[in-house]
Amino acid sequence: MEISLAAEKIAQIGSFKVTNSLLLSWITTILLAVLALTVSSKRNLIPSGIQNFFELIVEFLYNTVNDVIGNEKMTKKYFPLLATIFLFIVFNNWIGLLPGIGPIGINEIKEGKQILVPLFRGGNADLNTTLALAITAVIGVQVFGVAALGTAKYAKKFFNFSNPINFFVGMLELISEFSKMISFSFRLFGNIFAGEVLLMVIASLVPVIAPLPFFLLELFVGIVQALVFMMLALVFIKGATTAEAH
């Protein structure tokens, strides 16, 4: 058994490398798109089945966002990005736990030894994926902040030359915006990667019954991590779109 911190390359399109985590993220994206089209094309006034399930999720997420924002009009602006982030993360987490994700792969020779390169790897167990999500969330925060306060007023949060203290505080705020990307990406990556390693180790020692409790735990962790990521982005948006009190 070999545990690789970086995602493994399984194909190459020209100069573009396709990794096993990227492949699973593409599958997650396609699955979410198909589900969205299926549910939206068969909407009924009285929901049932899969429509009922997704309406329950959307209603919970919408109410959560609205409780924090406190403004129905603003909630409708921010909700699509936040809900998309949540759904992508939670589905990516869960798909990475499906049977066959990990054991199915390609045998390759590395340093004179034959190793199995997994064909699929959990998307969020790759730092590249979580960093991309973090960058998307932080850019979204800046865009919403500028749209709500205006370019000049929003920039004054970071570049305030009224006095040395305000200038120093503004520089700290600017640094914190970059640190958000680091904390976002490493928090999600660390939790998901550690969970997959734990399941792999337990399954290799006692492959039949022992992994089941840990599998259920990882399902729960997948939801929690998606919710934490969304809530942090929501709080940052709330802060970015709120004018400073004097």
C-alpha atoms as a PDB file:
ATOM      1  CA  MET A   1       0.000   0.000   0.000  1.00  0.00           C
ATOM      2  CA  GLU A   2       1.384   3.392  -1.025  1.00  0.00           C
ATOM      3  CA  ILE A   3      -0.083   6.703   0.081  1.00  0.00           C
ATOM      4  CA  SER A   4       0.616   9.625  -2.225  1.00  0.00           C
ATOM      5  CA  LEU A   5       0.106  13.172  -1.012  1.00  0.00           C
ATOM      6  CA  ALA A   6      -0.123  14.497  -4.562  1.00  0.00           C
ATOM      7  CA  ALA A   7      -2.718  13.372  -7.091  1.00  0.00           C
ATOM      8  CA  GLU A   8      -1.361  10.904  -9.673  1.00  0.00           C
ATOM      9  CA  LYS A   9      -1.351  11.531 -13.413  1.00  0.00           C
ATOM     10  CA  ILE A  10      -3.458   9.004 -15.341  1.00  0.00           C
ATOM     11  CA  ALA A  11      -3.557  10.648 -18.792  1.00  0.00           C
ATOM     12  CA  GLN A  12      -2.255  13.590 -20.751  1.00  0.00           C
ATOM     13  CA  ILE A  13      -4.015  15.758 -23.344  1.00  0.00           C
ATOM     14  CA  GLY A  14      -1.256  17.624 -25.153  1.00  0.00           C
ATOM     15  CA  SER A  15       0.613  19.445 -22.382  1.00  0.00           C
ATOM     16  CA  PHE A  16      -2.371  19.181 -20.013  1.00  0.00           C
ATOM     17  CA  LYS A  17      -2.053  16.523 -17.317  1.00  0.00           C
ATOM     18  CA  VAL A  18      -5.210  14.723 -16.231  1.00  0.00           C
ATOM     19  CA  THR A  19      -4.966  13.486 -12.640  1.00  0.00           C
ATOM     20  CA  ASN A  20      -7.191  10.941 -10.914  1.00  0.00           C
ATOM     21  CA  SER A  21      -8.628  13.605  -8.605  1.00  0.00           C
ATOM     22  CA  LEU A  22      -9.399  15.906 -11.545  1.00  0.00           C
ATOM     23  CA  LEU A  23     -11.194  13.067 -13.328  1.00  0.00           C
ATOM     24  CA  LEU A  24     -13.423  12.439 -10.312  1.00  0.00           C
ATOM     25  CA  SER A  25     -14.121  16.167  -9.958  1.00  0.00           C
ATOM     26  CA  TRP A  26     -15.246  16.222 -13.605  1.00  0.00           C
ATOM     27  CA  ILE A  27     -17.547  13.270 -12.909  1.00  0.00           C
ATOM     28  CA  THR A  28     -18.958  15.101  -9.870  1.00  0.00           C
ATOM     29  CA  THR A  29     -19.589  18.221 -11.963  1.00  0.00           C
ATOM     30  CA  ILE A  30     -21.347  16.224 -14.705  1.00  0.00           C
ATOM     31  CA  LEU A  31     -23.432  14.336 -12.120  1.00  0.00           C
ATOM     32  CA  LEU A  32     -24.562  17.578 -10.445  1.00  0.00           C
ATOM     33  CA  ALA A  33     -25.442  19.107 -13.823  1.00  0.00           C
ATOM     34  CA  VAL A  34     -27.484  16.042 -14.830  1.00  0.00           C
ATOM     35  CA  LEU A  35     -29.289  15.992 -11.482  1.00  0.00           C
ATOM     36  CA  ALA A  36     -30.050  19.720 -11.724  1.00  0.00           C
ATOM     37  CA  LEU A  37     -31.442  19.372 -15.251  1.00  0.00           C
ATOM     38  CA  THR A  38     -33.453  16.289 -14.282  1.00  0.00           C
ATOM     39  CA  VAL A  39     -35.009  17.895 -11.212  1.00  0.00           C
ATOM     40  CA  SER A  40     -35.724  21.252 -12.919  1.00  0.00           C
ATOM     41  CA  SER A  41     -37.329  19.617 -15.971  1.00  0.00           C
ATOM     42  CA  LYS A  42     -39.739  17.521 -13.885  1.00  0.00           C
ATOM     43  CA  ARG A  43     -40.872  19.994 -11.250  1.00  0.00           C
ATOM     44  CA  ASN A  44     -44.282  19.460  -9.700  1.00  0.00           C
ATOM     45  CA  LEU A  45     -46.344  21.711  -7.480  1.00  0.00           C
ATOM     46  CA  ILE A  46     -46.393  18.918  -4.897  1.00  0.00           C
ATOM     47  CA  PRO A  47     -42.785  17.662  -4.755  1.00  0.00           C
ATOM     48  CA  SER A  48     -41.960  13.986  -4.444  1.00  0.00           C
ATOM     49  CA  GLY A  49     -38.958  11.708  -4.788  1.00  0.00           C
ATOM     50  CA  ILE A  50     -35.717  13.350  -5.871  1.00  0.00           C
ATOM     51  CA  GLN A  51     -37.393  16.769  -6.227  1.00  0.00           C
ATOM     52  CA  ASN A  52     -38.468  16.608  -2.594  1.00  0.00           C
ATOM     53  CA  PHE A  53     -34.929  15.678  -1.536  1.00  0.00           C
ATOM     54  CA  PHE A  54     -33.308  18.573  -3.406  1.00  0.00           C
ATOM     55  CA  GLU A  55     -35.940  21.073  -2.343  1.00  0.00           C
ATOM     56  CA  LEU A  56     -35.223  20.116   1.256  1.00  0.00           C
ATOM     57  CA  ILE A  57     -31.497  20.773   0.749  1.00  0.00           C
ATOM     58  CA  VAL A  58     -32.051  24.052  -1.114  1.00  0.00           C
ATOM     59  CA  GLU A  59     -34.541  25.299   1.478  1.00  0.00           C
ATOM     60  CA  PHE A  60     -32.133  24.517   4.328  1.00  0.00           C
ATOM     61  CA  LEU A  61     -29.232  26.250   2.589  1.00  0.00           C
ATOM     62  CA  TYR A  62     -31.330  29.268   1.599  1.00  0.00           C
ATOM     63  CA  ASN A  63     -32.683  29.752   5.115  1.00  0.00           C
ATOM     64  CA  THR A  64     -29.174  29.433   6.535  1.00  0.00           C
ATOM     65  CA  VAL A  65     -27.810  32.094   4.183  1.00  0.00           C
ATOM     66  CA  ASN A  66     -30.786  34.381   4.760  1.00  0.00           C
ATOM     67  CA  ASP A  67     -30.454  34.113   8.559  1.00  0.00           C
ATOM     68  CA  VAL A  68     -26.887  35.410   8.348  1.00  0.00           C
ATOM     69  CA  ILE A  69     -27.397  38.044   5.643  1.00  0.00           C
ATOM     70  CA  GLY A  70     -30.737  39.240   7.001  1.00  0.00           C
ATOM     71  CA  ASN A  71     -31.812  40.677   3.649  1.00  0.00           C
ATOM     72  CA  GLU A  72     -33.904  38.696   1.162  1.00  0.00           C
ATOM     73  CA  LYS A  73     -32.674  40.695  -1.836  1.00  0.00           C
ATOM     74  CA  MET A  74     -29.009  40.234  -0.940  1.00  0.00           C
ATOM     75  CA  THR A  75     -29.527  36.557  -0.116  1.00  0.00           C
ATOM     76  CA  LYS A  76     -30.726  35.916  -3.669  1.00  0.00           C
ATOM     77  CA  LYS A  77     -27.471  37.431  -4.987  1.00  0.00           C
ATOM     78  CA  TYR A  78     -25.108  35.404  -2.814  1.00  0.00           C
ATOM     79  CA  PHE A  79     -27.034  32.142  -2.582  1.00  0.00           C
ATOM     80  CA  PRO A  80     -26.130  30.618  -6.009  1.00  0.00           C
ATOM     81  CA  LEU A  81     -22.373  30.761  -5.348  1.00  0.00           C
ATOM     82  CA  LEU A  82     -22.645  29.495  -1.759  1.00  0.00           C
ATOM     83  CA  ALA A  83     -25.057  26.664  -2.596  1.00  0.00           C
ATOM     84  CA  THR A  84     -22.926  25.575  -5.560  1.00  0.00           C
ATOM     85  CA  ILE A  85     -19.825  25.436  -3.356  1.00  0.00           C
ATOM     86  CA  PHE A  86     -21.663  23.381  -0.732  1.00  0.00           C
ATOM     87  CA  LEU A  87     -23.141  20.880  -3.208  1.00  0.00           C
ATOM     88  CA  PHE A  88     -19.881  20.449  -5.110  1.00  0.00           C
ATOM     89  CA  ILE A  89     -17.870  19.830  -1.952  1.00  0.00           C
ATOM     90  CA  VAL A  90     -20.321  17.413  -0.339  1.00  0.00           C
ATOM     91  CA  PHE A  91     -20.839  15.383  -3.543  1.00  0.00           C
ATOM     92  CA  ASN A  92     -17.103  15.340  -4.202  1.00  0.00           C
ATOM     93  CA  ASN A  93     -16.535  14.098  -0.666  1.00  0.00           C
ATOM     94  CA  TRP A  94     -19.152  11.361  -0.907  1.00  0.00           C
ATOM     95  CA  ILE A  95     -18.219  10.123  -4.376  1.00  0.00           C
ATOM     96  CA  GLY A  96     -14.655   9.693  -3.144  1.00  0.00           C
ATOM     97  CA  LEU A  97     -15.980   7.165  -0.604  1.00  0.00           C
ATOM     98  CA  LEU A  98     -17.745   4.905  -3.124  1.00  0.00           C
ATOM     99  CA  PRO A  99     -16.501   1.298  -3.423  1.00  0.00           C
ATOM    100  CA  GLY A 100     -13.924   1.039  -6.193  1.00  0.00           C
ATOM    101  CA  ILE A 101     -12.521   4.537  -5.651  1.00  0.00           C
ATOM    102  CA  GLY A 102      -8.910   3.690  -4.849  1.00  0.00           C
ATOM    103  CA  PRO A 103      -8.632  -0.077  -5.490  1.00  0.00           C
ATOM    104  CA  ILE A 104      -9.284   0.272  -9.241  1.00  0.00           C
ATOM    105  CA  GLY A 105      -6.233   1.575 -11.013  1.00  0.00           C
ATOM    106  CA  ILE A 106      -3.296   1.112 -13.351  1.00  0.00           C
ATOM    107  CA  ASN A 107      -0.184  -0.878 -12.459  1.00  0.00           C
ATOM    108  CA  GLU A 108       3.014   1.084 -13.027  1.00  0.00           C
ATOM    109  CA  ILE A 109       6.693   0.475 -12.332  1.00  0.00           C
ATOM    110  CA  LYS A 110       8.197   3.065  -9.976  1.00  0.00           C
ATOM    111  CA  GLU A 111      11.757   2.811  -8.663  1.00  0.00           C
ATOM    112  CA  GLY A 112      11.859  -0.846  -9.665  1.00  0.00           C
ATOM    113  CA  LYS A 113       8.617  -1.689  -7.843  1.00  0.00           C
ATOM    114  CA  GLN A 114       5.162  -2.300  -9.241  1.00  0.00           C
ATOM    115  CA  ILE A 115       2.602   0.023  -7.677  1.00  0.00           C
ATOM    116  CA  LEU A 116      -1.093   0.608  -8.251  1.00  0.00           C
ATOM    117  CA  VAL A 117      -1.975   4.112  -9.450  1.00  0.00           C
ATOM    118  CA  PRO A 118      -5.663   4.658  -8.591  1.00  0.00           C
ATOM    119  CA  LEU A 119      -7.846   5.574 -11.546  1.00  0.00           C
ATOM    120  CA  PHE A 120     -10.061   7.663  -9.257  1.00  0.00           C
ATOM    121  CA  ARG A 121      -9.192   9.734  -6.226  1.00  0.00           C
ATOM    122  CA  GLY A 122     -11.427  11.946  -4.099  1.00  0.00           C
ATOM    123  CA  GLY A 123     -11.365  15.424  -5.627  1.00  0.00           C
ATOM    124  CA  ASN A 124     -11.096  17.203  -2.284  1.00  0.00           C
ATOM    125  CA  ALA A 125      -8.201  14.951  -1.267  1.00  0.00           C
ATOM    126  CA  ASP A 126      -6.138  16.967  -3.755  1.00  0.00           C
ATOM    127  CA  LEU A 127      -4.836  20.361  -2.626  1.00  0.00           C
ATOM    128  CA  ASN A 128      -5.219  21.721  -6.169  1.00  0.00           C
ATOM    129  CA  THR A 129      -8.998  21.241  -6.001  1.00  0.00           C
ATOM    130  CA  THR A 130      -9.413  22.795  -2.557  1.00  0.00           C
ATOM    131  CA  LEU A 131      -7.155  25.706  -3.513  1.00  0.00           C
ATOM    132  CA  ALA A 132      -9.279  26.342  -6.615  1.00  0.00           C
ATOM    133  CA  LEU A 133     -12.402  26.360  -4.434  1.00  0.00           C
ATOM    134  CA  ALA A 134     -10.707  28.716  -1.971  1.00  0.00           C
ATOM    135  CA  ILE A 135      -9.652  31.138  -4.704  1.00  0.00           C
ATOM    136  CA  THR A 136     -13.186  31.085  -6.156  1.00  0.00           C
ATOM    137  CA  ALA A 137     -14.718  31.816  -2.738  1.00  0.00           C
ATOM    138  CA  VAL A 138     -12.304  34.636  -1.891  1.00  0.00           C
ATOM    139  CA  ILE A 139     -12.694  36.265  -5.313  1.00  0.00           C
ATOM    140  CA  GLY A 140     -16.455  36.026  -4.846  1.00  0.00           C
ATOM    141  CA  VAL A 141     -16.116  37.815  -1.503  1.00  0.00           C
ATOM    142  CA  GLN A 142     -14.191  40.677  -3.144  1.00  0.00           C
ATOM    143  CA  VAL A 143     -16.662  40.982  -6.025  1.00  0.00           C
ATOM    144  CA  PHE A 144     -19.655  41.100  -3.687  1.00  0.00           C
ATOM    145  CA  GLY A 145     -17.861  43.596  -1.446  1.00  0.00           C
ATOM    146  CA  VAL A 146     -17.118  45.972  -4.326  1.00  0.00           C
ATOM    147  CA  ALA A 147     -20.673  45.601  -5.681  1.00  0.00           C
ATOM    148  CA  ALA A 148     -22.200  46.401  -2.284  1.00  0.00           C
ATOM    149  CA  LEU A 149     -19.952  49.275  -1.160  1.00  0.00           C
ATOM    150  CA  GLY A 150     -18.404  50.611  -4.340  1.00  0.00           C
ATOM    151  CA  THR A 151     -14.779  50.341  -5.435  1.00  0.00           C
ATOM    152  CA  ALA A 152     -13.446  53.360  -3.514  1.00  0.00           C
ATOM    153  CA  LYS A 153     -15.206  52.589  -0.248  1.00  0.00           C
ATOM    154  CA  TYR A 154     -14.287  48.909  -0.344  1.00  0.00           C
ATOM    155  CA  ALA A 155     -10.645  49.633  -1.196  1.00  0.00           C
ATOM    156  CA  LYS A 156     -10.494  51.971   1.819  1.00  0.00           C
ATOM    157  CA  LYS A 157     -10.788  48.898   4.047  1.00  0.00           C
ATOM    158  CA  PHE A 158      -7.294  47.918   2.925  1.00  0.00           C
ATOM    159  CA  PHE A 159      -5.690  51.227   1.890  1.00  0.00           C
ATOM    160  CA  ASN A 160      -6.568  53.784   4.528  1.00  0.00           C
ATOM    161  CA  PHE A 161      -4.075  56.652   4.723  1.00  0.00           C
ATOM    162  CA  SER A 162      -6.009  58.767   7.243  1.00  0.00           C
ATOM    163  CA  ASN A 163      -3.533  57.880  10.007  1.00  0.00           C
ATOM    164  CA  PRO A 164      -0.753  55.322  10.680  1.00  0.00           C
ATOM    165  CA  ILE A 165      -2.998  53.055  12.795  1.00  0.00           C
ATOM    166  CA  ASN A 166      -5.687  52.789  10.124  1.00  0.00           C
ATOM    167  CA  PHE A 167      -2.994  52.151   7.503  1.00  0.00           C
ATOM    168  CA  PHE A 168      -1.522  49.335   9.599  1.00  0.00           C
ATOM    169  CA  VAL A 169      -4.957  47.824  10.239  1.00  0.00           C
ATOM    170  CA  GLY A 170      -5.693  48.002   6.506  1.00  0.00           C
ATOM    171  CA  MET A 171      -2.490  46.118   5.695  1.00  0.00           C
ATOM    172  CA  LEU A 172      -3.464  43.423   8.197  1.00  0.00           C
ATOM    173  CA  GLU A 173      -6.868  43.172   6.524  1.00  0.00           C
ATOM    174  CA  LEU A 174      -5.172  42.795   3.133  1.00  0.00           C
ATOM    175  CA  ILE A 175      -2.909  40.031   4.431  1.00  0.00           C
ATOM    176  CA  SER A 176      -5.907  38.292   6.007  1.00  0.00           C
ATOM    177  CA  GLU A 177      -7.639  38.142   2.601  1.00  0.00           C
ATOM    178  CA  PHE A 178      -4.737  36.083   1.240  1.00  0.00           C
ATOM    179  CA  SER A 179      -4.555  33.951   4.382  1.00  0.00           C
ATOM    180  CA  LYS A 180      -8.219  33.024   3.881  1.00  0.00           C
ATOM    181  CA  MET A 181      -7.255  31.111   0.754  1.00  0.00           C
ATOM    182  CA  ILE A 182      -4.627  29.157   2.675  1.00  0.00           C
ATOM    183  CA  SER A 183      -6.929  28.328   5.598  1.00  0.00           C
ATOM    184  CA  PHE A 184      -9.827  27.429   3.278  1.00  0.00           C
ATOM    185  CA  SER A 185      -7.799  25.066   1.119  1.00  0.00           C
ATOM    186  CA  PHE A 186      -5.703  23.344   3.800  1.00  0.00           C
ATOM    187  CA  ARG A 187      -8.635  22.835   6.198  1.00  0.00           C
ATOM    188  CA  LEU A 188     -10.730  20.998   3.606  1.00  0.00           C
ATOM    189  CA  PHE A 189      -7.805  19.120   2.069  1.00  0.00           C
ATOM    190  CA  GLY A 190      -6.397  18.014   5.440  1.00  0.00           C
ATOM    191  CA  ASN A 191      -9.681  16.636   6.750  1.00  0.00           C
ATOM    192  CA  ILE A 192     -10.652  14.773   3.584  1.00  0.00           C
ATOM    193  CA  PHE A 193      -7.172  13.409   2.855  1.00  0.00           C
ATOM    194  CA  ALA A 194      -6.733  12.217   6.447  1.00  0.00           C
ATOM    195  CA  GLY A 195     -10.125  10.500   6.319  1.00  0.00           C
ATOM    196  CA  GLU A 196      -9.262   8.648   3.117  1.00  0.00           C
ATOM    197  CA  VAL A 197      -5.916   7.535   4.533  1.00  0.00           C
ATOM    198  CA  LEU A 198      -7.643   6.292   7.691  1.00  0.00           C
ATOM    199  CA  LEU A 199     -10.157   4.263   5.673  1.00  0.00           C
ATOM    200  CA  MET A 200      -7.376   2.830   3.514  1.00  0.00           C
ATOM    201  CA  VAL A 201      -5.315   1.746   6.518  1.00  0.00           C
ATOM    202  CA  ILE A 202      -8.292   0.205   8.365  1.00  0.00           C
ATOM    203  CA  ALA A 203      -9.489  -1.592   5.215  1.00  0.00           C
ATOM    204  CA  SER A 204      -6.030  -3.080   4.647  1.00  0.00           C
ATOM    205  CA  LEU A 205      -5.879  -4.402   8.240  1.00  0.00           C
ATOM    206  CA  VAL A 206      -9.458  -5.620   8.728  1.00  0.00           C
ATOM    207  CA  PRO A 207     -11.182  -5.418   5.332  1.00  0.00           C
ATOM    208  CA  VAL A 208     -14.688  -6.677   6.184  1.00  0.00           C
ATOM    209  CA  ILE A 209     -16.420  -5.048   9.164  1.00  0.00           C
ATOM    210  CA  ALA A 210     -13.972  -2.639  10.814  1.00  0.00           C
ATOM    211  CA  PRO A 211     -14.111   0.080   8.087  1.00  0.00           C
ATOM    212  CA  LEU A 212     -17.918   0.472   8.345  1.00  0.00           C
ATOM    213  CA  PRO A 213     -18.013   2.828  11.393  1.00  0.00           C
ATOM    214  CA  PHE A 214     -15.230   4.928   9.880  1.00  0.00           C
ATOM    215  CA  PHE A 215     -17.077   5.007   6.549  1.00  0.00           C
ATOM    216  CA  LEU A 216     -20.198   6.369   8.266  1.00  0.00           C
ATOM    217  CA  LEU A 217     -18.032   8.888  10.108  1.00  0.00           C
ATOM    218  CA  GLU A 218     -16.540  10.093   6.829  1.00  0.00           C
ATOM    219  CA  LEU A 219     -20.020  10.548   5.353  1.00  0.00           C
ATOM    220  CA  PHE A 220     -20.814  12.832   8.278  1.00  0.00           C
ATOM    221  CA  VAL A 221     -17.452  14.616   8.005  1.00  0.00           C
ATOM    222  CA  GLY A 222     -18.139  15.204   4.300  1.00  0.00           C
ATOM    223  CA  ILE A 223     -21.306  17.149   5.157  1.00  0.00           C
ATOM    224  CA  VAL A 224     -19.672  19.037   8.028  1.00  0.00           C
ATOM    225  CA  GLN A 225     -16.682  20.141   5.947  1.00  0.00           C
ATOM    226  CA  ALA A 226     -18.930  21.351   3.131  1.00  0.00           C
ATOM    227  CA  LEU A 227     -21.083  23.267   5.610  1.00  0.00           C
ATOM    228  CA  VAL A 228     -18.039  24.775   7.360  1.00  0.00           C
ATOM    229  CA  PHE A 229     -16.583  25.925   4.030  1.00  0.00           C
ATOM    230  CA  MET A 230     -19.901  27.491   2.995  1.00  0.00           C
ATOM    231  CA  MET A 231     -20.478  29.157   6.370  1.00  0.00           C
ATOM    232  CA  LEU A 232     -16.996  30.695   6.420  1.00  0.00           C
ATOM    233  CA  ALA A 233     -17.506  32.059   2.908  1.00  0.00           C
ATOM    234  CA  LEU A 234     -20.907  33.387   4.007  1.00  0.00           C
ATOM    235  CA  VAL A 235     -19.451  35.151   7.065  1.00  0.00           C
ATOM    236  CA  PHE A 236     -16.678  36.672   4.937  1.00  0.00           C
ATOM    237  CA  ILE A 237     -19.259  37.924   2.414  1.00  0.00           C
ATOM    238  CA  LYS A 238     -21.298  39.419   5.237  1.00  0.00           C
ATOM    239  CA  GLY A 239     -18.219  41.226   6.529  1.00  0.00           C
ATOM    240  CA  ALA A 240     -17.150  42.414   3.061  1.00  0.00           C
ATOM    241  CA  THR A 241     -20.569  43.848   2.218  1.00  0.00           C
ATOM    242  CA  THR A 242     -21.054  45.659   5.543  1.00  0.00           C
ATOM    243  CA  ALA A 243     -19.842  49.239   5.810  1.00  0.00           C
ATOM    244  CA  GLU A 244     -17.538  50.064   8.714  1.00  0.00           C
ATOM    245  CA  ALA A 245     -19.116  51.786  11.682  1.00  0.00           C
ATOM    246  CA  HIS A 246     -17.554  55.109  12.722  1.00  0.00           C
END
